[in-house]
């Protein structure tokens, strides 16, 4: 009897896995059909002014490539504002050495109550900006010389007031090779599927925090970063706010023009995704995030359990679907060939970070970039002074 029950459970999980990965394949096909790309345009209208805001906290030794790439931009009038967010290292000194006619370096004011650090830095930069377009990027994002001009041109040709560019996720360590492609698959397939992101009737939205381009007048109209000042995952929050006010961000493939190495090695991966995953799955409910994370791990592993123990045909089908989805993100998160088989491991890693992140939220404290925030209710945060 027990053996029969286990077989039924395996069959149910195998069917659920087939359904989940079939959905992921359909989303991938839909994504290809609707995909916008920076490759489809040449450049912005001559003289278009773009202000680039670069929040930087403890980025010493990491900014040089990003700032060099920004200074080399062509086709637009550029005003780059690097905002040092109370760094505890040499970030401000290093950035100041790069100051030029195009690059201004601001020493950020102390973080006020009710704000999360990155949004506060972006807010300060936006207040000093003069461009008709604002680009929010990160201190580790590297842009091709025509990337920003192409992004503005694409936004103008599409008639939209905001654009987010999906970069190429670079990885060097084995842990990054395992986790980053899995993150790309899960976000696109289940966290923010394209059909739901594009629907005006669904609040789901997404943004790549390393490249969010928005018209200044629209940014001000929706309240800018002040309107999301206590939201930890600021890029997602800003995208949702823009969509709610009738200005959804258009997603564009920028993998040939924008690149970033988000996290370096297992420790940074753990810290970074621990901050992101639970909120990304279910911002208002840690318990729901835990349930979603558990389901994600099960549908990732179930095909291989079915291959080993049965039902083998369902397991083989689910594995094939999973491999197809994994291959489809290879252009966005390239890895050596053997890592095509590690998607289940990456999914389990991200599920675990989500569970731990949910525990952090239930315990009432989240730590990010050396700052500790207490949760006031389900969605808002407040900074905890050092030593409390």
Protein backbone atom coordinates (compact mmCIF):
# COMPACT_ATOMS: atom_id res chain seq x y z
CA UNK A 1 0.00 0.00 0.00
CA UNK A 2 2.79 2.42 0.93
CA UNK A 3 4.58 1.62 -2.32
CA UNK A 4 1.41 2.34 -4.29
CA UNK A 5 0.97 5.69 -2.53
CA UNK A 6 4.54 6.70 -3.29
CA UNK A 7 4.03 5.77 -6.94
CA UNK A 8 0.91 7.95 -7.11
CA UNK A 9 2.79 10.86 -5.52
CA UNK A 10 5.63 10.47 -8.02
CA UNK A 11 3.15 10.39 -10.89
CA UNK A 12 1.38 13.51 -9.61
CA UNK A 13 4.67 15.35 -9.28
CA UNK A 14 5.74 14.22 -12.74
CA UNK A 15 2.50 15.52 -14.27
CA UNK A 16 2.88 18.80 -12.37
CA UNK A 17 6.44 19.10 -13.63
CA UNK A 18 5.39 18.44 -17.23
CA UNK A 19 2.72 21.14 -16.89
CA UNK A 20 5.13 23.65 -15.35
CA UNK A 21 7.87 23.17 -17.94
CA UNK A 22 5.40 23.10 -20.81
CA UNK A 23 4.17 26.48 -19.58
CA UNK A 24 7.79 27.68 -19.47
CA UNK A 25 8.29 26.60 -23.08
CA UNK A 26 5.13 28.44 -24.16
CA UNK A 27 6.32 31.57 -22.36
CA UNK A 28 9.70 31.29 -24.10
CA UNK A 29 8.04 31.02 -27.50
CA UNK A 30 5.78 33.97 -26.70
CA UNK A 31 8.81 35.94 -25.54
CA UNK A 32 10.56 35.34 -28.85
CA UNK A 33 7.49 36.50 -30.75
CA UNK A 34 7.21 39.77 -28.80
CA UNK A 35 10.89 40.39 -28.14
CA UNK A 36 12.21 43.90 -28.75
CA UNK A 37 15.93 44.32 -29.25
CA UNK A 38 18.47 47.11 -29.24
CA UNK A 39 19.79 45.51 -32.42
CA UNK A 40 16.66 46.66 -34.28
CA UNK A 41 17.52 50.38 -34.13
CA UNK A 42 20.54 52.51 -34.95
CA UNK A 43 20.59 55.36 -32.44
CA UNK A 44 18.79 58.28 -30.85
CA UNK A 45 18.03 61.64 -32.39
CA UNK A 46 21.11 63.84 -32.28
CA UNK A 47 21.17 66.02 -29.17
CA UNK A 48 18.88 63.89 -27.00
CA UNK A 49 19.91 64.54 -23.40
CA UNK A 50 20.10 61.58 -21.02
CA UNK A 51 20.98 61.81 -17.34
CA UNK A 52 22.47 58.57 -16.02
CA UNK A 53 22.16 57.95 -12.28
CA UNK A 54 24.64 55.47 -10.79
CA UNK A 55 24.05 54.66 -7.10
CA UNK A 56 27.23 53.30 -5.54
CA UNK A 57 27.71 51.80 -2.10
CA UNK A 58 30.93 49.96 -1.30
CA UNK A 59 31.84 49.54 -4.98
CA UNK A 60 35.57 50.26 -4.71
CA UNK A 61 37.51 48.32 -7.33
CA UNK A 62 34.41 47.54 -9.39
CA UNK A 63 33.37 50.77 -11.07
CA UNK A 64 36.11 51.42 -13.58
CA UNK A 65 34.71 49.45 -16.53
CA UNK A 66 31.21 50.81 -15.99
CA UNK A 67 32.31 54.45 -15.82
CA UNK A 68 34.64 54.03 -18.79
CA UNK A 69 31.76 52.62 -20.83
CA UNK A 70 29.47 55.49 -19.86
CA UNK A 71 32.05 58.13 -20.74
CA UNK A 72 32.45 56.50 -24.17
CA UNK A 73 28.75 56.72 -25.12
CA UNK A 74 27.98 58.15 -28.55
CA UNK A 75 24.89 59.66 -30.19
CA UNK A 76 23.43 61.31 -27.07
CA UNK A 77 24.23 64.21 -24.79
CA UNK A 78 25.14 62.50 -21.54
CA UNK A 79 25.16 63.68 -17.93
CA UNK A 80 26.39 60.96 -15.55
CA UNK A 81 25.75 61.34 -11.82
CA UNK A 82 27.52 58.91 -9.52
CA UNK A 83 25.92 59.05 -6.07
CA UNK A 84 28.06 57.67 -3.25
CA UNK A 85 25.63 56.07 -0.80
CA UNK A 86 27.54 56.43 2.48
CA UNK A 87 30.17 53.94 1.34
CA UNK A 88 32.49 52.47 3.95
CA UNK A 89 35.34 51.95 1.48
CA UNK A 90 37.14 54.02 -1.18
CA UNK A 91 34.13 54.28 -3.51
CA UNK A 92 33.86 58.06 -3.33
CA UNK A 93 37.60 58.62 -3.82
CA UNK A 94 37.76 56.25 -6.79
CA UNK A 95 34.69 57.77 -8.42
CA UNK A 96 36.01 61.30 -7.84
CA UNK A 97 39.15 60.46 -9.79
CA UNK A 98 36.90 59.71 -12.77
CA UNK A 99 35.07 63.06 -12.60
CA UNK A 100 34.97 64.82 -15.97
CA UNK A 101 32.81 66.97 -18.19
CA UNK A 102 30.44 64.00 -18.46
CA UNK A 103 30.74 62.50 -14.97
CA UNK A 104 29.71 64.24 -11.78
CA UNK A 105 30.26 62.60 -8.40
CA UNK A 106 27.91 63.39 -5.52
CA UNK A 107 28.49 62.53 -1.89
CA UNK A 108 25.08 61.28 -0.81
CA UNK A 109 23.35 62.68 2.25
CA UNK A 110 22.76 60.39 5.24
CA UNK A 111 19.93 57.91 4.78
CA UNK A 112 16.75 59.44 6.25
CA UNK A 113 14.10 57.46 8.13
CA UNK A 114 11.66 55.56 5.93
CA UNK A 115 14.03 55.08 3.00
CA UNK A 116 15.97 52.12 1.62
CA UNK A 117 19.51 53.06 0.61
CA UNK A 118 19.49 52.51 -3.14
CA UNK A 119 16.22 54.36 -3.69
CA UNK A 120 17.56 57.26 -1.61
CA UNK A 121 20.70 57.42 -3.76
CA UNK A 122 18.66 57.27 -6.98
CA UNK A 123 16.33 59.98 -5.66
CA UNK A 124 19.25 62.29 -4.94
CA UNK A 125 20.73 61.70 -8.38
CA UNK A 126 17.39 62.32 -10.10
CA UNK A 127 17.00 65.64 -8.28
CA UNK A 128 20.32 66.81 -9.75
CA UNK A 129 19.62 65.46 -13.25
CA UNK A 130 18.97 67.73 -16.21
CA UNK A 131 18.15 65.28 -19.01
CA UNK A 132 14.79 64.69 -20.67
CA UNK A 133 15.46 60.98 -20.16
CA UNK A 134 16.67 59.36 -16.93
CA UNK A 135 18.66 56.13 -16.97
CA UNK A 136 19.08 54.27 -13.68
CA UNK A 137 21.97 51.84 -13.86
CA UNK A 138 24.41 50.13 -11.50
CA UNK A 139 28.09 50.60 -10.83
CA UNK A 140 28.96 47.18 -12.29
CA UNK A 141 27.00 47.43 -15.58
CA UNK A 142 29.09 47.80 -18.73
CA UNK A 143 27.51 49.44 -21.81
CA UNK A 144 28.54 49.24 -25.45
CA UNK A 145 29.30 52.73 -26.86
CA UNK A 146 25.92 52.98 -28.62
CA UNK A 147 23.81 51.19 -25.99
CA UNK A 148 22.10 54.23 -24.48
CA UNK A 149 21.48 55.88 -27.86
CA UNK A 150 19.91 52.67 -29.14
CA UNK A 151 17.72 52.37 -26.03
CA UNK A 152 16.39 55.91 -26.45
CA UNK A 153 15.79 55.29 -30.16
CA UNK A 154 13.90 52.07 -29.42
CA UNK A 155 11.72 53.78 -26.82
CA UNK A 156 10.94 56.60 -29.24
CA UNK A 157 10.19 54.23 -32.12
CA UNK A 158 7.85 52.20 -29.91
CA UNK A 159 6.16 55.35 -28.62
CA UNK A 160 6.75 54.41 -24.97
CA UNK A 161 7.90 56.47 -22.03
CA UNK A 162 9.93 53.78 -20.34
CA UNK A 163 12.20 50.90 -21.27
CA UNK A 164 14.15 48.29 -19.35
CA UNK A 165 17.02 46.50 -21.06
CA UNK A 166 17.80 42.90 -20.17
CA UNK A 167 21.62 42.56 -20.05
CA UNK A 168 23.86 39.59 -20.62
CA UNK A 169 24.52 37.95 -17.25
CA UNK A 170 28.20 37.17 -17.11
CA UNK A 171 29.52 34.49 -14.79
CA UNK A 172 32.95 33.11 -13.98
CA UNK A 173 32.68 30.78 -10.99
CA UNK A 174 30.95 27.39 -11.00
CA UNK A 175 28.29 28.72 -8.62
CA UNK A 176 27.41 31.58 -10.97
CA UNK A 177 27.23 29.13 -13.91
CA UNK A 178 24.69 27.08 -11.96
CA UNK A 179 22.57 29.83 -10.41
CA UNK A 180 22.36 32.72 -12.88
CA UNK A 181 20.77 30.80 -15.80
CA UNK A 182 18.31 29.26 -13.35
CA UNK A 183 17.38 32.74 -12.13
CA UNK A 184 16.81 33.87 -15.72
CA UNK A 185 14.54 30.86 -16.36
CA UNK A 186 12.50 31.20 -13.17
CA UNK A 187 11.97 34.95 -13.44
CA UNK A 188 10.89 34.80 -17.07
CA UNK A 189 8.74 31.67 -16.70
CA UNK A 190 7.09 31.99 -13.31
CA UNK A 191 7.84 35.26 -11.49
CA UNK A 192 7.09 37.67 -14.35
CA UNK A 193 5.92 35.82 -17.49
CA UNK A 194 5.74 38.03 -20.56
CA UNK A 195 1.99 37.60 -21.22
CA UNK A 196 1.21 38.82 -17.69
CA UNK A 197 3.78 41.63 -17.76
CA UNK A 198 2.29 42.94 -21.01
CA UNK A 199 -1.33 42.67 -19.83
CA UNK A 200 -2.76 46.02 -18.64
CA UNK A 201 -5.17 44.11 -16.39
CA UNK A 202 -2.49 42.38 -14.30
CA UNK A 203 -0.24 44.28 -11.85
CA UNK A 204 2.75 42.02 -12.46
CA UNK A 205 5.74 43.92 -13.80
CA UNK A 206 9.50 43.51 -13.95
CA UNK A 207 12.60 45.56 -14.58
CA UNK A 208 16.32 44.93 -14.88
CA UNK A 209 17.72 47.20 -12.19
CA UNK A 210 20.89 47.77 -14.17
CA UNK A 211 19.10 49.55 -17.02
CA UNK A 212 15.83 51.40 -16.43
CA UNK A 213 15.22 54.23 -18.91
CA UNK A 214 12.26 56.56 -18.32
CA UNK A 215 11.20 60.00 -19.46
CA UNK A 216 11.81 62.60 -16.77
CA UNK A 217 8.25 63.95 -16.90
CA UNK A 218 6.81 60.46 -16.39
CA UNK A 219 9.23 59.68 -13.57
CA UNK A 220 8.13 62.85 -11.78
CA UNK A 221 4.47 62.17 -12.54
CA UNK A 222 4.50 58.79 -10.77
CA UNK A 223 6.43 60.09 -7.76
CA UNK A 224 9.83 58.69 -8.70
CA UNK A 225 11.81 56.79 -6.11
CA UNK A 226 10.13 58.73 -3.34
CA UNK A 227 7.00 56.74 -4.12
CA UNK A 228 8.85 53.46 -3.47
CA UNK A 229 11.22 54.71 -0.79
CA UNK A 230 10.60 51.82 1.62
CA UNK A 231 10.63 48.97 -0.92
CA UNK A 232 13.69 46.75 -0.79
CA UNK A 233 13.59 45.48 -4.41
CA UNK A 234 13.46 48.92 -5.97
CA UNK A 235 13.57 47.96 -9.66
CA UNK A 236 10.51 45.72 -9.41
CA UNK A 237 8.72 48.32 -7.28
CA UNK A 238 9.41 51.14 -9.76
CA UNK A 239 8.23 49.00 -12.68
CA UNK A 240 5.01 48.18 -10.83
CA UNK A 241 4.41 51.85 -9.98
CA UNK A 242 4.94 52.94 -13.58
CA UNK A 243 2.55 50.26 -14.84
CA UNK A 244 -0.07 51.16 -12.24
CA UNK A 245 0.01 54.76 -13.49
CA UNK A 246 -0.37 53.74 -17.12
CA UNK A 247 3.30 53.82 -18.15
CA UNK A 248 4.48 50.19 -18.29
CA UNK A 249 8.11 49.56 -19.05
CA UNK A 250 8.82 47.90 -22.39
CA UNK A 251 11.26 44.99 -22.11
CA UNK A 252 14.12 44.95 -24.59
CA UNK A 253 16.85 42.41 -25.24
CA UNK A 254 20.19 44.13 -24.78
CA UNK A 255 22.43 41.10 -24.43
CA UNK A 256 24.73 42.24 -27.24
CA UNK A 257 25.06 45.78 -25.86
CA UNK A 258 24.83 45.62 -22.05
CA UNK A 259 26.53 43.18 -19.69
CA UNK A 260 26.86 42.69 -15.96
CA UNK A 261 28.37 40.27 -13.51
CA UNK A 262 25.80 40.59 -10.75
CA UNK A 263 27.45 38.51 -8.05
CA UNK A 264 30.94 37.08 -7.71
CA UNK A 265 31.09 33.59 -6.24
CA UNK A 266 28.86 31.61 -3.87
CA UNK A 267 28.88 34.07 -0.97
CA UNK A 268 27.71 37.06 -3.02
CA UNK A 269 25.15 34.88 -4.81
CA UNK A 270 23.73 33.79 -1.48
CA UNK A 271 23.53 37.31 -0.06
CA UNK A 272 22.11 38.86 -3.23
CA UNK A 273 19.43 36.29 -3.98
CA UNK A 274 18.55 36.01 -0.29
CA UNK A 275 17.54 39.65 -0.50
CA UNK A 276 15.65 39.29 -3.80
CA UNK A 277 13.90 35.94 -3.97
CA UNK A 278 11.24 35.95 -1.27
CA UNK A 279 10.02 39.44 -2.18
CA UNK A 280 10.07 38.54 -5.86
CA UNK A 281 7.88 35.50 -5.32
CA UNK A 282 5.36 37.05 -2.92
CA UNK A 283 6.10 40.48 -1.49
CA UNK A 284 3.05 40.59 0.75
CA UNK A 285 3.28 37.07 2.18
CA UNK A 286 6.39 35.23 3.36
CA UNK A 287 4.32 32.07 3.83
CA UNK A 288 3.18 32.18 0.20
CA UNK A 289 6.78 32.75 -0.89
CA UNK A 290 7.85 29.63 1.02
CA UNK A 291 5.10 27.62 -0.67
CA UNK A 292 6.10 28.91 -4.11
CA UNK A 293 9.77 28.16 -3.44
CA UNK A 294 8.97 24.62 -2.32
CA UNK A 295 6.86 24.05 -5.43
CA UNK A 296 9.69 25.38 -7.58
CA UNK A 297 12.20 22.95 -6.10
CA UNK A 298 9.81 20.02 -6.52
CA UNK A 299 9.04 20.65 -10.20
CA UNK A 300 12.77 21.08 -10.85
CA UNK A 301 13.72 17.74 -9.27
CA UNK A 302 10.62 15.65 -10.05
CA UNK A 303 11.56 14.85 -13.70
CA UNK A 304 14.78 13.16 -12.61
CA UNK A 305 13.05 11.25 -9.81
CA UNK A 306 10.52 10.04 -12.37
CA UNK A 307 13.31 9.00 -14.74
CA UNK A 308 14.87 6.91 -11.99
CA UNK A 309 11.77 5.51 -10.29
CA UNK A 310 8.90 6.07 -12.72
CA UNK A 311 6.78 7.09 -14.50
CA UNK A 312 9.77 7.24 -16.85
CA UNK A 313 7.99 8.53 -19.96
CA UNK A 314 6.64 11.53 -18.10
CA UNK A 315 10.05 12.07 -16.55
CA UNK A 316 11.73 12.03 -19.96
CA UNK A 317 9.19 14.49 -21.34
CA UNK A 318 9.65 16.86 -18.42
CA UNK A 319 13.45 16.67 -18.69
CA UNK A 320 13.25 17.47 -22.40
CA UNK A 321 11.04 20.49 -21.76
CA UNK A 322 13.34 21.66 -18.97
CA UNK A 323 16.44 21.38 -21.15
CA UNK A 324 14.71 23.31 -23.95
CA UNK A 325 13.90 26.17 -21.57
CA UNK A 326 17.42 26.15 -20.17
CA UNK A 327 18.91 26.32 -23.67
CA UNK A 328 16.68 29.26 -24.57
CA UNK A 329 18.32 31.52 -21.94
CA UNK A 330 21.84 30.66 -23.06
CA UNK A 331 22.14 33.90 -25.04
CA UNK A 332 21.31 35.87 -21.89
CA UNK A 333 23.33 33.83 -19.39
CA UNK A 334 26.06 31.96 -21.32
CA UNK A 335 27.87 29.10 -19.58
CA UNK A 336 30.13 26.19 -20.50
CA UNK A 337 28.26 23.27 -22.08
CA UNK A 338 28.10 20.92 -19.04
CA UNK A 339 26.13 23.50 -17.07
CA UNK A 340 23.08 23.00 -19.32
CA UNK A 341 22.29 20.06 -17.01
CA UNK A 342 22.45 21.98 -13.74
CA UNK A 343 19.13 23.84 -13.91
CA UNK A 344 17.59 21.75 -11.07
CA UNK A 345 20.52 22.62 -8.79
CA UNK A 346 20.15 26.31 -9.54
CA UNK A 347 16.40 26.15 -8.91
CA UNK A 348 16.97 24.44 -5.56
CA UNK A 349 19.56 27.05 -4.55
CA UNK A 350 17.14 29.88 -5.34
CA UNK A 351 14.29 28.08 -3.56
CA UNK A 352 16.47 27.78 -0.46
CA UNK A 353 17.40 31.47 -0.56
CA UNK A 354 13.70 32.30 -0.81
CA UNK A 355 12.86 30.20 2.24
CA UNK A 356 15.65 31.82 4.26
CA UNK A 357 14.59 35.26 3.00
CA UNK A 358 11.03 34.54 4.10
CA UNK A 359 12.29 33.58 7.56
CA UNK A 360 14.18 36.88 7.68
CA UNK A 361 10.95 38.73 6.91
CA UNK A 362 8.97 36.74 9.49
CA UNK A 363 11.64 37.50 12.08
CA UNK A 364 11.27 41.17 11.20
CA UNK A 365 14.75 42.05 9.95
CA UNK A 366 16.47 42.14 6.55
CA UNK A 367 20.16 42.93 6.01
CA UNK A 368 21.48 44.37 2.73
CA UNK A 369 24.65 46.23 1.81
CA UNK A 370 25.73 46.47 5.43
CA UNK A 371 22.46 48.02 6.58
CA UNK A 372 19.80 46.37 8.67
CA UNK A 373 16.12 47.06 8.03
CA UNK A 374 13.18 46.14 10.23
CA UNK A 375 9.94 45.13 8.58
CA UNK A 376 6.96 47.31 9.52
CA UNK A 377 4.11 45.13 8.35
CA UNK A 378 4.35 43.09 5.17
CA UNK A 379 5.67 45.49 2.54
CA UNK A 380 7.44 48.42 4.17
CA UNK A 381 10.85 48.64 5.81
CA UNK A 382 12.59 51.00 8.17
CA UNK A 383 16.29 51.20 8.83
CA UNK A 384 17.58 49.87 12.14
CA UNK A 385 20.36 52.05 13.56
CA UNK A 386 23.69 50.25 14.00
CA UNK A 387 23.90 48.50 17.37
CA UNK A 388 20.15 48.05 17.83
